[in-house]
Amino acid sequence: HYNVNDGILFNATERPDPTLGSLDVAMAIFPIVGKNSRSAFTIEYRDILTASDETDLNRRYHAGIELNFADALFLRAGYNQRYLTYGFEFSMANYQFQATSYGEEIGTADDNQEERHYDLKFAYRF
C-alpha cells in the first residue's frame, strides 16, 4: 500500500559524504604497419586528481602495445601497476578466442606483492 505521503514528501536530514571526482589521462597512437597489419600504443595515468594522496605512484601507470595481423591474430603486451601484461586473440569469421594475463599490486609501496590473473574468453558472434 502506497500513498502520496510516502517517499517523495519525506525530508532526509542526513547526507552522504561527497564522492571525489576522478580524471584519467591517456594517449594512444595507431600506426599502420603494413597492408594487413596495424598496431596500437597506449599510455595512461589513472586518477590524476588524487595523485598526491598515493604513496606508490606505480599503481597509477599503465601502458600497452597491440599488433594486429589481418584482424585475425592480435598480440598484446603491456605494463600494469609495475607488472607485465600479455595476451593474444584469435578471431576468424564468427569465432573469437582470447587468452590474457596481468598482474595487480596488492602490497604496499615498501612491500610489493603481485596478484597474477589469467583470463580465457571464447565467443561466438552472430
Protein backbone atom coordinates (compact mmCIF):
# COMPACT_ATOMS: atom_id res chain seq x y z
CA HIS A 1 0.00 0.00 0.00
CA TYR A 2 1.49 3.32 -1.09
CA ASN A 3 0.11 6.81 -0.80
CA VAL A 4 1.31 10.29 -1.66
CA ASN A 5 2.72 10.86 1.84
CA ASP A 6 5.25 8.03 1.48
CA GLY A 7 8.60 8.58 -0.16
CA ILE A 8 8.86 11.84 -2.07
CA LEU A 9 7.48 14.10 0.66
CA PHE A 10 9.83 12.95 3.43
CA ASN A 11 12.83 15.12 4.30
CA ALA A 12 16.22 13.47 4.80
CA THR A 13 18.41 15.14 7.39
CA GLU A 14 21.50 13.02 6.77
CA ARG A 15 23.57 13.44 3.62
CA PRO A 16 26.22 11.04 2.31
CA ASP A 17 29.80 12.19 2.07
CA PRO A 18 30.54 13.69 -1.34
CA THR A 19 32.37 11.47 -3.79
CA LEU A 20 35.55 12.98 -5.18
CA GLY A 21 35.84 13.25 -8.94
CA SER A 22 38.28 11.16 -10.91
CA LEU A 23 40.29 12.05 -14.00
CA ASP A 24 42.40 9.66 -16.09
CA VAL A 25 44.86 10.99 -18.67
CA ALA A 26 45.85 8.82 -21.63
CA MET A 27 47.42 8.96 -25.06
CA ALA A 28 47.28 6.44 -27.90
CA ILE A 29 48.61 6.16 -31.43
CA PHE A 30 47.55 3.65 -34.06
CA PRO A 31 50.20 3.30 -36.78
CA ILE A 32 49.53 1.15 -39.83
CA VAL A 33 52.44 -1.28 -40.11
CA GLY A 34 51.62 -2.87 -43.46
CA LYS A 35 48.84 -3.76 -45.86
CA ASN A 36 47.20 -6.19 -43.42
CA SER A 37 48.91 -5.17 -40.18
CA ARG A 38 48.18 -2.46 -37.66
CA SER A 39 49.39 -1.59 -34.21
CA ALA A 40 48.30 0.37 -31.17
CA PHE A 41 50.44 2.03 -28.50
CA THR A 42 48.82 3.42 -25.34
CA ILE A 43 49.92 5.03 -22.10
CA GLU A 44 47.68 6.03 -19.22
CA TYR A 45 47.89 7.71 -15.83
CA ARG A 46 44.88 6.97 -13.62
CA ASP A 47 43.15 9.33 -11.22
CA ILE A 48 45.43 12.33 -11.61
CA LEU A 49 43.31 14.47 -9.25
CA THR A 50 44.31 12.44 -6.18
CA ALA A 51 47.92 11.67 -7.16
CA SER A 52 49.27 13.49 -4.09
CA ASP A 53 47.42 11.02 -1.82
CA GLU A 54 49.10 7.95 -3.36
CA THR A 55 52.19 6.51 -1.68
CA ASP A 56 53.01 4.27 -4.66
CA LEU A 57 52.62 6.09 -7.98
CA ASN A 58 53.36 2.87 -9.91
CA ARG A 59 49.76 1.85 -9.18
CA ARG A 60 48.65 4.66 -11.49
CA TYR A 61 50.73 3.87 -14.61
CA HIS A 62 49.51 1.66 -17.44
CA ALA A 63 50.94 1.14 -20.92
CA GLY A 64 50.46 -1.31 -23.73
CA ILE A 65 51.09 -2.34 -27.31
CA GLU A 66 48.93 -4.39 -29.66
CA LEU A 67 49.92 -5.88 -33.00
CA ASN A 68 47.02 -6.77 -35.30
CA PHE A 69 47.56 -9.13 -38.22
CA ALA A 70 44.69 -9.12 -40.76
CA ASP A 71 42.11 -8.67 -37.98
CA ALA A 72 42.63 -12.37 -37.23
CA LEU A 73 45.60 -12.54 -34.84
CA PHE A 74 46.26 -9.97 -32.13
CA LEU A 75 49.37 -10.00 -29.92
CA ARG A 76 49.34 -7.81 -26.81
CA ALA A 77 51.88 -6.82 -24.17
CA GLY A 78 51.97 -4.11 -21.56
CA TYR A 79 52.62 -2.77 -18.10
CA ASN A 80 50.05 -2.57 -15.29
CA GLN A 81 50.92 -1.34 -11.80
CA ARG A 82 54.60 -2.34 -12.22
CA TYR A 83 53.83 -5.80 -13.64
CA LEU A 84 53.91 -7.34 -17.10
CA THR A 85 50.70 -7.98 -19.03
CA TYR A 86 50.43 -10.16 -22.10
CA GLY A 87 47.91 -11.92 -24.24
CA PHE A 88 46.70 -12.90 -27.66
CA GLU A 89 43.46 -13.13 -29.58
CA PHE A 90 42.49 -15.31 -32.50
CA SER A 91 39.44 -14.11 -34.39
CA MET A 92 38.03 -15.73 -37.52
CA ALA A 93 34.54 -15.50 -39.02
CA ASN A 94 32.14 -15.73 -36.07
CA TYR A 95 34.61 -17.13 -33.55
CA GLN A 96 36.87 -15.33 -31.11
CA PHE A 97 39.33 -16.76 -28.59
CA GLN A 98 41.37 -14.66 -26.14
CA ALA A 99 43.94 -15.55 -23.50
CA THR A 100 45.44 -12.90 -21.24
CA SER A 101 47.42 -12.47 -18.05
CA TYR A 102 48.02 -9.38 -15.95
CA GLY A 103 49.37 -8.53 -12.53
CA GLU A 104 47.93 -6.17 -9.94
CA GLU A 105 49.71 -4.64 -6.98
CA ILE A 106 48.14 -5.74 -3.69
CA GLY A 107 51.05 -4.85 -1.43
CA THR A 108 52.34 -1.51 -0.21
CA ALA A 109 54.90 0.93 -1.59
CA ASP A 110 57.55 -0.65 0.67
CA ASP A 111 56.44 -4.28 0.33
CA ASN A 112 55.40 -5.04 -3.26
CA GLN A 113 53.18 -8.05 -3.79
CA GLU A 114 51.77 -9.16 -7.13
CA GLU A 115 48.41 -10.82 -7.64
CA ARG A 116 48.52 -12.53 -11.04
CA HIS A 117 45.32 -13.05 -13.07
CA TYR A 118 44.77 -15.40 -16.02
CA ASP A 119 41.72 -14.99 -18.23
CA LEU A 120 40.30 -17.01 -21.10
CA LYS A 121 37.45 -15.91 -23.33
CA PHE A 122 35.63 -17.70 -26.12
CA ALA A 123 32.86 -16.02 -28.08
CA TYR A 124 30.62 -16.91 -30.94
CA ARG A 125 29.28 -13.82 -32.67
CA PHE A 126 26.10 -13.88 -34.70
